[in-house]
Amino acid sequence: MIVEERIYSLEVGTATEYLRLYEAEGLAIQRPILGRMVGYFSTEIAPCTRSSTCGPIRT
């Protein structure tokens, strides 16, 4: 299985709002293309926040 990883860099303190918006507006758009998500991970360590999504690539 090939796994695609997308990493997003956010300003500290914005991860909660980003995740809320992603769930409300972005996830439904990506799900038909990416399929089942393997994981969604985030860290919040100054000076930036990193958010990472992992999902299988359809072949």
C-alpha atoms as a PDB file:
ATOM      1  CA  MET A   1       0.000   0.000   0.000  1.00  0.00           C
ATOM      2  CA  ILE A   2       1.251   3.487  -0.841  1.00  0.00           C
ATOM      3  CA  VAL A   3       0.355   6.108   1.773  1.00  0.00           C
ATOM      4  CA  GLU A   4       0.067   9.809   1.002  1.00  0.00           C
ATOM      5  CA  GLU A   5       1.047  12.212   3.776  1.00  0.00           C
ATOM      6  CA  ARG A   6       0.049  15.865   3.762  1.00  0.00           C
ATOM      7  CA  ILE A   7       1.660  18.223   6.278  1.00  0.00           C
ATOM      8  CA  TYR A   8       0.258  21.655   7.083  1.00  0.00           C
ATOM      9  CA  SER A   9       2.025  24.337   9.151  1.00  0.00           C
ATOM     10  CA  LEU A  10      -0.230  26.582  11.233  1.00  0.00           C
ATOM     11  CA  GLU A  11       0.283  29.462  13.630  1.00  0.00           C
ATOM     12  CA  VAL A  12       0.328  28.477  17.298  1.00  0.00           C
ATOM     13  CA  GLY A  13      -3.166  28.483  18.791  1.00  0.00           C
ATOM     14  CA  THR A  14      -5.014  28.022  15.477  1.00  0.00           C
ATOM     15  CA  ALA A  15      -5.128  24.206  15.344  1.00  0.00           C
ATOM     16  CA  THR A  16      -8.555  23.897  16.984  1.00  0.00           C
ATOM     17  CA  GLU A  17     -10.157  26.304  14.499  1.00  0.00           C
ATOM     18  CA  TYR A  18      -8.346  24.658  11.565  1.00  0.00           C
ATOM     19  CA  LEU A  19      -9.567  21.189  12.575  1.00  0.00           C
ATOM     20  CA  ARG A  20     -13.122  22.499  13.022  1.00  0.00           C
ATOM     21  CA  LEU A  21     -13.100  24.063   9.543  1.00  0.00           C
ATOM     22  CA  TYR A  22     -11.469  20.998   7.971  1.00  0.00           C
ATOM     23  CA  GLU A  23     -14.126  18.715   9.436  1.00  0.00           C
ATOM     24  CA  ALA A  24     -16.962  21.073   8.427  1.00  0.00           C
ATOM     25  CA  GLU A  25     -15.791  21.972   4.900  1.00  0.00           C
ATOM     26  CA  GLY A  26     -12.737  20.021   3.724  1.00  0.00           C
ATOM     27  CA  LEU A  27     -13.170  16.410   4.759  1.00  0.00           C
ATOM     28  CA  ALA A  28     -16.282  15.745   2.652  1.00  0.00           C
ATOM     29  CA  ILE A  29     -14.492  17.058  -0.450  1.00  0.00           C
ATOM     30  CA  GLN A  30     -11.362  14.947   0.086  1.00  0.00           C
ATOM     31  CA  ARG A  31     -12.987  11.690   1.219  1.00  0.00           C
ATOM     32  CA  PRO A  32     -14.229  10.542  -2.248  1.00  0.00           C
ATOM     33  CA  ILE A  33     -10.741  11.159  -3.698  1.00  0.00           C
ATOM     34  CA  LEU A  34      -8.565   9.904  -0.844  1.00  0.00           C
ATOM     35  CA  GLY A  35     -10.872   7.185   0.437  1.00  0.00           C
ATOM     36  CA  ARG A  36     -10.400   5.881   3.950  1.00  0.00           C
ATOM     37  CA  MET A  37      -8.125   8.012   6.127  1.00  0.00           C
ATOM     38  CA  VAL A  38      -5.351   6.125   7.936  1.00  0.00           C
ATOM     39  CA  GLY A  39      -4.776   8.810  10.556  1.00  0.00           C
ATOM     40  CA  TYR A  40      -4.866  12.464  11.467  1.00  0.00           C
ATOM     41  CA  PHE A  41      -2.088  13.718  13.716  1.00  0.00           C
ATOM     42  CA  SER A  42      -1.181  17.103  15.141  1.00  0.00           C
ATOM     43  CA  THR A  43       1.392  18.692  17.418  1.00  0.00           C
ATOM     44  CA  GLU A  44       1.337  22.138  18.951  1.00  0.00           C
ATOM     45  CA  ILE A  45       4.861  23.169  19.889  1.00  0.00           C
ATOM     46  CA  ALA A  46       6.031  26.782  19.516  1.00  0.00           C
ATOM     47  CA  PRO A  47       6.733  28.490  17.174  1.00  0.00           C
ATOM     48  CA  CYS A  48       4.427  26.570  14.821  1.00  0.00           C
ATOM     49  CA  THR A  49       1.778  23.887  14.806  1.00  0.00           C
ATOM     50  CA  ARG A  50       1.983  20.930  12.424  1.00  0.00           C
ATOM     51  CA  SER A  51      -0.990  18.935  11.255  1.00  0.00           C
ATOM     52  CA  SER A  52      -0.569  15.764   9.223  1.00  0.00           C
ATOM     53  CA  THR A  53      -3.068  13.548   7.408  1.00  0.00           C
ATOM     54  CA  CYS A  54      -2.303  10.076   6.104  1.00  0.00           C
ATOM     55  CA  GLY A  55      -4.371   8.029   3.702  1.00  0.00           C
ATOM     56  CA  PRO A  56      -3.886   5.250   1.172  1.00  0.00           C
ATOM     57  CA  ILE A  57      -3.480   6.140  -2.491  1.00  0.00           C
ATOM     58  CA  ARG A  58      -5.846   4.250  -4.770  1.00  0.00           C
ATOM     59  CA  THR A  59      -4.046   2.394  -7.513  1.00  0.00           C
END
